[in-house]
Amino acid sequence: MTIKDYTLGAGTKSDRDLFAWVGPWLVSRKTHETLGIAITSRPGDRWHVMMPAKGPARGFAVTADAKGSPSRHLRFLHADTTMARRALLARVIDLARHEGIAVLWARERRGDSDLIDAGFKMIDTAETTRERAFVRYELTFKTEAQT
């Protein structure tokens, strides 16, 4: 399997290809329930799609860079297997590290073992103390100045 990267709004053909792969998941009630939210995207969002040799896509991750800040938001991470989900997460982390991102963050369900295993820390905020189902996770990368 390979992971193909798309940037929403990069071109009509690119967008058409992206939505041909992930379209069934975008309208799936089960996917929305699993993620806890409907899937949205804005121009400039980066989509990473797990592609099998043949058959439907196996998963996707969507990231967005914060304006004026070296942070990146992992907006959505969804796959049909744990292995595909972890491979997508590894891809997002590798790209963030390679591109000089200081903090990669996500809002996911409390106790997300894939994020925790990848080194993300649950951030203690007023929201987390209210026992919310979704909490903020952050993965901080060392910059050149910190090494």
N, C-alpha and C. Protein backbone atom coordinates (compact mmCIF):
# COMPACT_ATOMS: atom_id res chain seq x y z
N MET A 1 0.84 -1.18 0.00
CA MET A 1 0.00 0.00 0.00
C MET A 1 0.88 1.24 0.00
N THR A 2 0.36 2.28 -0.59
CA THR A 2 1.07 3.55 -0.60
C THR A 2 0.16 4.64 -0.04
N ILE A 3 0.77 5.74 0.35
CA ILE A 3 0.01 6.90 0.82
C ILE A 3 0.21 8.00 -0.19
N LYS A 4 -0.87 8.48 -0.75
CA LYS A 4 -0.82 9.56 -1.73
C LYS A 4 -1.24 10.85 -1.04
N ASP A 5 -0.50 11.93 -1.33
CA ASP A 5 -0.76 13.23 -0.72
C ASP A 5 -1.46 14.15 -1.71
N TYR A 6 -2.44 14.86 -1.22
CA TYR A 6 -3.19 15.84 -2.00
C TYR A 6 -3.27 17.14 -1.21
N THR A 7 -3.33 18.27 -1.90
CA THR A 7 -3.63 19.55 -1.28
C THR A 7 -4.94 20.04 -1.87
N LEU A 8 -5.94 20.22 -1.02
CA LEU A 8 -7.25 20.65 -1.51
C LEU A 8 -7.12 22.01 -2.18
N GLY A 9 -7.67 22.12 -3.36
CA GLY A 9 -7.63 23.38 -4.10
C GLY A 9 -6.42 23.51 -5.00
N ALA A 10 -5.59 22.47 -5.09
CA ALA A 10 -4.39 22.53 -5.92
C ALA A 10 -4.71 22.41 -7.40
N GLY A 11 -5.88 21.95 -7.72
CA GLY A 11 -6.28 21.82 -9.12
C GLY A 11 -7.51 20.96 -9.24
N THR A 12 -8.26 21.19 -10.29
CA THR A 12 -9.51 20.47 -10.47
C THR A 12 -9.30 18.97 -10.55
N LYS A 13 -8.30 18.52 -11.33
CA LYS A 13 -8.07 17.09 -11.47
C LYS A 13 -7.63 16.48 -10.13
N SER A 14 -6.75 17.16 -9.43
CA SER A 14 -6.29 16.67 -8.13
C SER A 14 -7.45 16.53 -7.15
N ASP A 15 -8.30 17.56 -7.09
CA ASP A 15 -9.46 17.51 -6.20
C ASP A 15 -10.42 16.40 -6.61
N ARG A 16 -10.62 16.24 -7.90
CA ARG A 16 -11.51 15.19 -8.40
C ARG A 16 -10.97 13.81 -8.01
N ASP A 17 -9.67 13.61 -8.18
CA ASP A 17 -9.04 12.33 -7.80
C ASP A 17 -9.19 12.09 -6.30
N LEU A 18 -8.93 13.11 -5.50
CA LEU A 18 -9.04 12.98 -4.05
C LEU A 18 -10.45 12.53 -3.66
N PHE A 19 -11.45 13.23 -4.14
CA PHE A 19 -12.81 12.93 -3.72
C PHE A 19 -13.33 11.63 -4.31
N ALA A 20 -12.76 11.19 -5.41
CA ALA A 20 -13.11 9.86 -5.93
C ALA A 20 -12.65 8.78 -4.95
N TRP A 21 -11.49 8.99 -4.30
CA TRP A 21 -10.97 8.01 -3.33
C TRP A 21 -11.70 8.07 -2.00
N VAL A 22 -11.95 9.26 -1.49
CA VAL A 22 -12.48 9.37 -0.12
C VAL A 22 -13.98 9.69 -0.07
N GLY A 23 -14.58 9.94 -1.19
CA GLY A 23 -15.99 10.33 -1.24
C GLY A 23 -16.94 9.46 -0.44
N PRO A 24 -16.85 8.13 -0.57
CA PRO A 24 -17.78 7.28 0.21
C PRO A 24 -17.67 7.50 1.72
N TRP A 25 -16.48 7.80 2.22
CA TRP A 25 -16.32 8.03 3.66
C TRP A 25 -16.85 9.40 4.06
N LEU A 26 -16.77 10.36 3.16
CA LEU A 26 -17.22 11.71 3.49
C LEU A 26 -18.72 11.76 3.76
N VAL A 27 -19.46 10.87 3.14
CA VAL A 27 -20.92 10.88 3.30
C VAL A 27 -21.41 9.76 4.21
N SER A 28 -20.49 9.01 4.77
CA SER A 28 -20.86 7.87 5.60
C SER A 28 -21.22 8.29 7.02
N ARG A 29 -22.41 7.96 7.44
CA ARG A 29 -22.83 8.25 8.81
C ARG A 29 -21.94 7.52 9.81
N LYS A 30 -21.55 6.29 9.49
CA LYS A 30 -20.69 5.51 10.38
C LYS A 30 -19.33 6.21 10.57
N THR A 31 -18.77 6.74 9.49
CA THR A 31 -17.50 7.46 9.60
C THR A 31 -17.67 8.69 10.49
N HIS A 32 -18.74 9.43 10.30
CA HIS A 32 -19.00 10.63 11.12
C HIS A 32 -19.15 10.25 12.59
N GLU A 33 -19.82 9.14 12.86
CA GLU A 33 -19.99 8.70 14.25
C GLU A 33 -18.65 8.28 14.85
N THR A 34 -17.83 7.59 14.06
CA THR A 34 -16.51 7.17 14.54
C THR A 34 -15.64 8.37 14.85
N LEU A 35 -15.65 9.36 13.97
CA LEU A 35 -14.84 10.57 14.16
C LEU A 35 -15.45 11.51 15.19
N GLY A 36 -16.74 11.42 15.38
CA GLY A 36 -17.42 12.30 16.31
C GLY A 36 -17.80 13.64 15.71
N ILE A 37 -17.65 13.76 14.38
CA ILE A 37 -17.93 15.03 13.71
C ILE A 37 -18.01 14.77 12.20
N ALA A 38 -18.73 15.64 11.50
CA ALA A 38 -18.76 15.55 10.05
C ALA A 38 -17.41 16.03 9.49
N ILE A 39 -17.01 15.46 8.39
CA ILE A 39 -15.72 15.80 7.78
C ILE A 39 -15.88 17.06 6.94
N THR A 40 -15.00 18.02 7.17
CA THR A 40 -14.97 19.25 6.39
C THR A 40 -13.55 19.48 5.92
N SER A 41 -13.39 20.35 4.95
CA SER A 41 -12.04 20.68 4.48
C SER A 41 -12.05 22.06 3.86
N ARG A 42 -10.90 22.70 3.89
CA ARG A 42 -10.73 24.04 3.33
C ARG A 42 -9.59 24.01 2.32
N PRO A 43 -9.60 24.94 1.37
CA PRO A 43 -8.46 25.01 0.45
C PRO A 43 -7.15 25.12 1.23
N GLY A 44 -6.17 24.35 0.81
CA GLY A 44 -4.88 24.33 1.49
C GLY A 44 -4.73 23.17 2.46
N ASP A 45 -5.85 22.56 2.89
CA ASP A 45 -5.75 21.37 3.73
C ASP A 45 -5.02 20.27 2.97
N ARG A 46 -4.22 19.53 3.69
CA ARG A 46 -3.47 18.43 3.08
C ARG A 46 -4.14 17.11 3.45
N TRP A 47 -4.42 16.33 2.44
CA TRP A 47 -5.04 15.02 2.60
C TRP A 47 -4.00 13.96 2.29
N HIS A 48 -3.95 12.95 3.12
CA HIS A 48 -3.05 11.81 2.94
C HIS A 48 -3.95 10.58 2.87
N VAL A 49 -3.93 9.90 1.74
CA VAL A 49 -4.87 8.82 1.49
C VAL A 49 -4.12 7.50 1.33
N MET A 50 -4.49 6.51 2.12
CA MET A 50 -3.90 5.17 2.04
C MET A 50 -4.53 4.44 0.86
N MET A 51 -3.67 4.10 -0.12
CA MET A 51 -4.14 3.47 -1.35
C MET A 51 -3.66 2.03 -1.43
N PRO A 52 -4.57 1.09 -1.63
CA PRO A 52 -4.17 -0.29 -1.85
C PRO A 52 -3.76 -0.49 -3.31
N ALA A 53 -3.22 -1.64 -3.63
CA ALA A 53 -2.87 -1.94 -5.02
C ALA A 53 -4.14 -1.88 -5.88
N LYS A 54 -5.24 -2.39 -5.35
CA LYS A 54 -6.53 -2.24 -6.02
C LYS A 54 -7.63 -2.26 -4.97
N GLY A 55 -8.76 -1.71 -5.34
CA GLY A 55 -9.86 -1.63 -4.39
C GLY A 55 -9.97 -0.23 -3.81
N PRO A 56 -10.89 -0.05 -2.85
CA PRO A 56 -11.12 1.28 -2.29
C PRO A 56 -9.99 1.73 -1.36
N ALA A 57 -9.91 3.03 -1.13
CA ALA A 57 -8.94 3.59 -0.20
C ALA A 57 -9.14 2.96 1.17
N ARG A 58 -8.06 2.84 1.94
CA ARG A 58 -8.11 2.19 3.24
C ARG A 58 -8.20 3.17 4.40
N GLY A 59 -7.89 4.45 4.15
CA GLY A 59 -7.94 5.44 5.21
C GLY A 59 -7.45 6.79 4.73
N PHE A 60 -7.59 7.79 5.59
CA PHE A 60 -7.13 9.13 5.26
C PHE A 60 -6.80 9.91 6.52
N ALA A 61 -5.94 10.90 6.34
CA ALA A 61 -5.63 11.87 7.38
C ALA A 61 -5.72 13.24 6.72
N VAL A 62 -6.19 14.22 7.48
CA VAL A 62 -6.29 15.60 6.97
C VAL A 62 -5.55 16.50 7.95
N THR A 63 -4.65 17.33 7.43
CA THR A 63 -3.92 18.27 8.27
C THR A 63 -4.07 19.69 7.74
N ALA A 64 -3.91 20.64 8.64
CA ALA A 64 -3.97 22.06 8.28
C ALA A 64 -2.90 22.80 9.07
N ASP A 65 -2.12 23.62 8.38
CA ASP A 65 -1.11 24.44 9.06
C ASP A 65 -1.78 25.66 9.68
N ALA A 66 -1.32 26.01 10.87
CA ALA A 66 -1.84 27.20 11.55
C ALA A 66 -1.21 28.44 10.91
N LYS A 67 -2.01 29.45 10.69
CA LYS A 67 -1.50 30.70 10.10
C LYS A 67 -0.65 31.44 11.12
N GLY A 68 0.55 31.82 10.73
CA GLY A 68 1.42 32.61 11.59
C GLY A 68 2.03 31.84 12.74
N SER A 69 2.00 30.51 12.67
CA SER A 69 2.54 29.70 13.75
C SER A 69 3.12 28.42 13.16
N PRO A 70 4.22 27.93 13.72
CA PRO A 70 4.81 26.69 13.20
C PRO A 70 4.13 25.44 13.76
N SER A 71 2.80 25.47 13.79
CA SER A 71 2.07 24.30 14.29
C SER A 71 1.17 23.76 13.19
N ARG A 72 0.82 22.51 13.32
CA ARG A 72 -0.03 21.83 12.34
C ARG A 72 -1.11 21.07 13.10
N HIS A 73 -2.33 21.17 12.61
CA HIS A 73 -3.48 20.51 13.23
C HIS A 73 -3.79 19.23 12.44
N LEU A 74 -3.77 18.11 13.11
CA LEU A 74 -4.24 16.86 12.54
C LEU A 74 -5.75 16.86 12.73
N ARG A 75 -6.46 17.26 11.68
CA ARG A 75 -7.91 17.48 11.79
C ARG A 75 -8.70 16.19 11.81
N PHE A 76 -8.31 15.23 10.97
CA PHE A 76 -9.02 13.96 10.89
C PHE A 76 -8.02 12.84 10.65
N LEU A 77 -8.26 11.71 11.28
CA LEU A 77 -7.46 10.50 11.08
C LEU A 77 -8.44 9.33 11.14
N HIS A 78 -8.60 8.65 10.01
CA HIS A 78 -9.58 7.57 9.94
C HIS A 78 -9.09 6.49 8.99
N ALA A 79 -9.22 5.25 9.40
CA ALA A 79 -8.84 4.13 8.55
C ALA A 79 -9.67 2.91 8.91
N ASP A 80 -9.68 1.94 7.99
CA ASP A 80 -10.48 0.75 8.24
C ASP A 80 -9.74 -0.31 9.05
N THR A 81 -8.43 -0.12 9.28
CA THR A 81 -7.68 -1.04 10.15
C THR A 81 -6.74 -0.23 11.03
N THR A 82 -6.34 -0.81 12.14
CA THR A 82 -5.38 -0.16 13.03
C THR A 82 -4.06 0.04 12.31
N MET A 83 -3.62 -0.93 11.52
CA MET A 83 -2.35 -0.82 10.81
C MET A 83 -2.37 0.36 9.83
N ALA A 84 -3.46 0.52 9.10
CA ALA A 84 -3.57 1.64 8.15
C ALA A 84 -3.60 2.97 8.90
N ARG A 85 -4.32 3.03 10.02
CA ARG A 85 -4.39 4.26 10.83
C ARG A 85 -3.01 4.64 11.34
N ARG A 86 -2.26 3.67 11.83
CA ARG A 86 -0.92 3.94 12.35
C ARG A 86 0.04 4.36 11.24
N ALA A 87 -0.10 3.77 10.06
CA ALA A 87 0.75 4.16 8.92
C ALA A 87 0.46 5.60 8.50
N LEU A 88 -0.81 5.97 8.48
CA LEU A 88 -1.16 7.36 8.16
C LEU A 88 -0.62 8.32 9.20
N LEU A 89 -0.75 7.96 10.46
CA LEU A 89 -0.23 8.80 11.55
C LEU A 89 1.28 8.96 11.42
N ALA A 90 1.98 7.87 11.13
CA ALA A 90 3.44 7.95 10.95
C ALA A 90 3.80 8.88 9.80
N ARG A 91 3.03 8.85 8.72
CA ARG A 91 3.29 9.72 7.57
C ARG A 91 3.12 11.18 7.97
N VAL A 92 2.04 11.48 8.68
CA VAL A 92 1.78 12.86 9.12
C VAL A 92 2.90 13.35 10.04
N ILE A 93 3.35 12.51 10.95
CA ILE A 93 4.43 12.88 11.87
C ILE A 93 5.74 13.10 11.11
N ASP A 94 6.07 12.20 10.20
CA ASP A 94 7.31 12.33 9.42
C ASP A 94 7.31 13.62 8.61
N LEU A 95 6.19 13.93 7.96
CA LEU A 95 6.11 15.17 7.17
C LEU A 95 6.26 16.40 8.07
N ALA A 96 5.59 16.40 9.21
CA ALA A 96 5.68 17.54 10.13
C ALA A 96 7.13 17.74 10.59
N ARG A 97 7.78 16.65 10.96
CA ARG A 97 9.16 16.74 11.42
C ARG A 97 10.07 17.26 10.28
N HIS A 98 9.91 16.70 9.11
CA HIS A 98 10.74 17.08 7.95
C HIS A 98 10.52 18.54 7.53
N GLU A 99 9.30 19.02 7.71
CA GLU A 99 8.96 20.38 7.26
C GLU A 99 9.15 21.44 8.34
N GLY A 100 9.74 21.07 9.47
CA GLY A 100 10.07 22.05 10.50
C GLY A 100 8.90 22.50 11.36
N ILE A 101 7.88 21.69 11.44
CA ILE A 101 6.73 22.02 12.30
C ILE A 101 7.17 21.86 13.77
N ALA A 102 6.81 22.81 14.60
CA ALA A 102 7.19 22.75 16.02
C ALA A 102 6.23 21.88 16.83
N VAL A 103 4.94 22.01 16.54
CA VAL A 103 3.93 21.26 17.30
C VAL A 103 2.88 20.71 16.34
N LEU A 104 2.63 19.42 16.47
CA LEU A 104 1.55 18.76 15.76
C LEU A 104 0.49 18.46 16.81
N TRP A 105 -0.74 18.91 16.58
CA TRP A 105 -1.77 18.70 17.59
C TRP A 105 -3.03 18.12 16.97
N ALA A 106 -3.80 17.47 17.83
CA ALA A 106 -5.06 16.86 17.40
C ALA A 106 -6.06 16.93 18.54
N ARG A 107 -7.31 16.88 18.20
CA ARG A 107 -8.38 16.76 19.19
C ARG A 107 -9.04 15.42 18.90
N GLU A 108 -8.79 14.48 19.79
CA GLU A 108 -9.28 13.11 19.61
C GLU A 108 -9.90 12.62 20.91
N ARG A 109 -10.47 11.44 20.82
CA ARG A 109 -11.08 10.85 22.01
C ARG A 109 -10.03 10.64 23.10
N ARG A 110 -10.45 10.82 24.33
CA ARG A 110 -9.58 10.60 25.48
C ARG A 110 -9.03 9.18 25.42
N GLY A 111 -7.73 9.02 25.66
CA GLY A 111 -7.11 7.70 25.70
C GLY A 111 -6.81 7.10 24.34
N ASP A 112 -6.66 7.92 23.29
CA ASP A 112 -6.36 7.40 21.95
C ASP A 112 -4.98 6.74 21.97
N SER A 113 -4.94 5.42 21.97
CA SER A 113 -3.68 4.70 22.14
C SER A 113 -2.72 4.90 20.97
N ASP A 114 -3.23 5.10 19.75
CA ASP A 114 -2.33 5.33 18.62
C ASP A 114 -1.56 6.64 18.79
N LEU A 115 -2.24 7.69 19.22
CA LEU A 115 -1.57 8.97 19.45
C LEU A 115 -0.58 8.86 20.61
N ILE A 116 -1.02 8.24 21.68
CA ILE A 116 -0.15 8.10 22.86
C ILE A 116 1.09 7.28 22.51
N ASP A 117 0.91 6.16 21.79
CA ASP A 117 2.04 5.33 21.37
C ASP A 117 3.00 6.08 20.45
N ALA A 118 2.49 7.05 19.69
CA ALA A 118 3.32 7.83 18.78
C ALA A 118 4.03 8.98 19.48
N GLY A 119 3.78 9.16 20.79
CA GLY A 119 4.48 10.19 21.54
C GLY A 119 3.68 11.44 21.85
N PHE A 120 2.42 11.48 21.44
CA PHE A 120 1.58 12.63 21.75
C PHE A 120 1.29 12.66 23.25
N LYS A 121 1.18 13.85 23.79
CA LYS A 121 0.82 14.04 25.20
C LYS A 121 -0.56 14.67 25.27
N MET A 122 -1.37 14.17 26.19
CA MET A 122 -2.67 14.78 26.41
C MET A 122 -2.43 16.07 27.18
N ILE A 123 -2.99 17.16 26.69
CA ILE A 123 -2.78 18.46 27.31
C ILE A 123 -3.84 18.67 28.39
N ASP A 124 -3.39 18.99 29.58
CA ASP A 124 -4.28 19.20 30.72
C ASP A 124 -4.86 20.61 30.64
N THR A 125 -6.12 20.70 30.32
CA THR A 125 -6.79 21.99 30.24
C THR A 125 -8.06 21.92 31.06
N ALA A 126 -8.72 23.04 31.17
CA ALA A 126 -9.99 23.07 31.90
C ALA A 126 -10.98 22.10 31.26
N GLU A 127 -10.91 21.96 29.93
CA GLU A 127 -11.82 21.04 29.24
C GLU A 127 -11.57 19.60 29.64
N THR A 128 -10.30 19.20 29.79
CA THR A 128 -10.02 17.81 30.11
C THR A 128 -10.45 17.47 31.52
N THR A 129 -10.46 18.43 32.40
CA THR A 129 -10.87 18.14 33.77
C THR A 129 -12.38 17.96 33.88
N ARG A 130 -13.12 18.40 32.87
CA ARG A 130 -14.57 18.21 32.87
C ARG A 130 -14.95 16.86 32.28
N GLU A 131 -13.96 15.98 32.10
CA GLU A 131 -14.20 14.63 31.59
C GLU A 131 -14.86 14.63 30.22
N ARG A 132 -14.42 15.49 29.35
CA ARG A 132 -14.93 15.49 27.99
C ARG A 132 -14.43 14.25 27.26
N ALA A 133 -15.20 13.83 26.29
CA ALA A 133 -14.80 12.66 25.50
C ALA A 133 -13.62 13.00 24.59
N PHE A 134 -13.57 14.23 24.06
CA PHE A 134 -12.49 14.64 23.17
C PHE A 134 -11.56 15.59 23.90
N VAL A 135 -10.27 15.34 23.76
CA VAL A 135 -9.26 16.17 24.41
C VAL A 135 -8.18 16.53 23.40
N ARG A 136 -7.35 17.49 23.77
CA ARG A 136 -6.26 17.93 22.91
C ARG A 136 -5.01 17.10 23.19
N TYR A 137 -4.36 16.68 22.12
CA TYR A 137 -3.07 15.99 22.18
C TYR A 137 -2.06 16.82 21.42
N GLU A 138 -0.82 16.84 21.91
CA GLU A 138 0.25 17.56 21.22
C GLU A 138 1.50 16.70 21.13
N LEU A 139 2.16 16.82 20.00
CA LEU A 139 3.47 16.21 19.80
C LEU A 139 4.41 17.35 19.46
N THR A 140 5.40 17.59 20.30
CA THR A 140 6.33 18.69 20.12
C THR A 140 7.63 18.14 19.54
N PHE A 141 8.11 18.82 18.51
CA PHE A 141 9.35 18.43 17.85
C PHE A 141 10.47 19.34 18.31
N LYS A 142 11.65 18.79 18.44
CA LYS A 142 12.82 19.61 18.78
C LYS A 142 13.22 20.40 17.54
N THR A 143 13.48 21.68 17.73
CA THR A 143 13.94 22.52 16.63
C THR A 143 15.47 22.57 16.67
N GLU A 144 16.04 23.15 15.64
CA GLU A 144 17.50 23.28 15.57
C GLU A 144 18.04 24.02 16.79
N ALA A 145 17.31 25.03 17.26
CA ALA A 145 17.75 25.83 18.40
C ALA A 145 17.75 25.02 19.71
N GLN A 146 16.90 23.98 19.77
CA GLN A 146 16.80 23.18 20.98
C GLN A 146 17.84 22.06 21.05
N THR A 147 18.46 21.76 19.92
CA THR A 147 19.43 20.65 19.92
C THR A 147 20.82 21.10 20.21
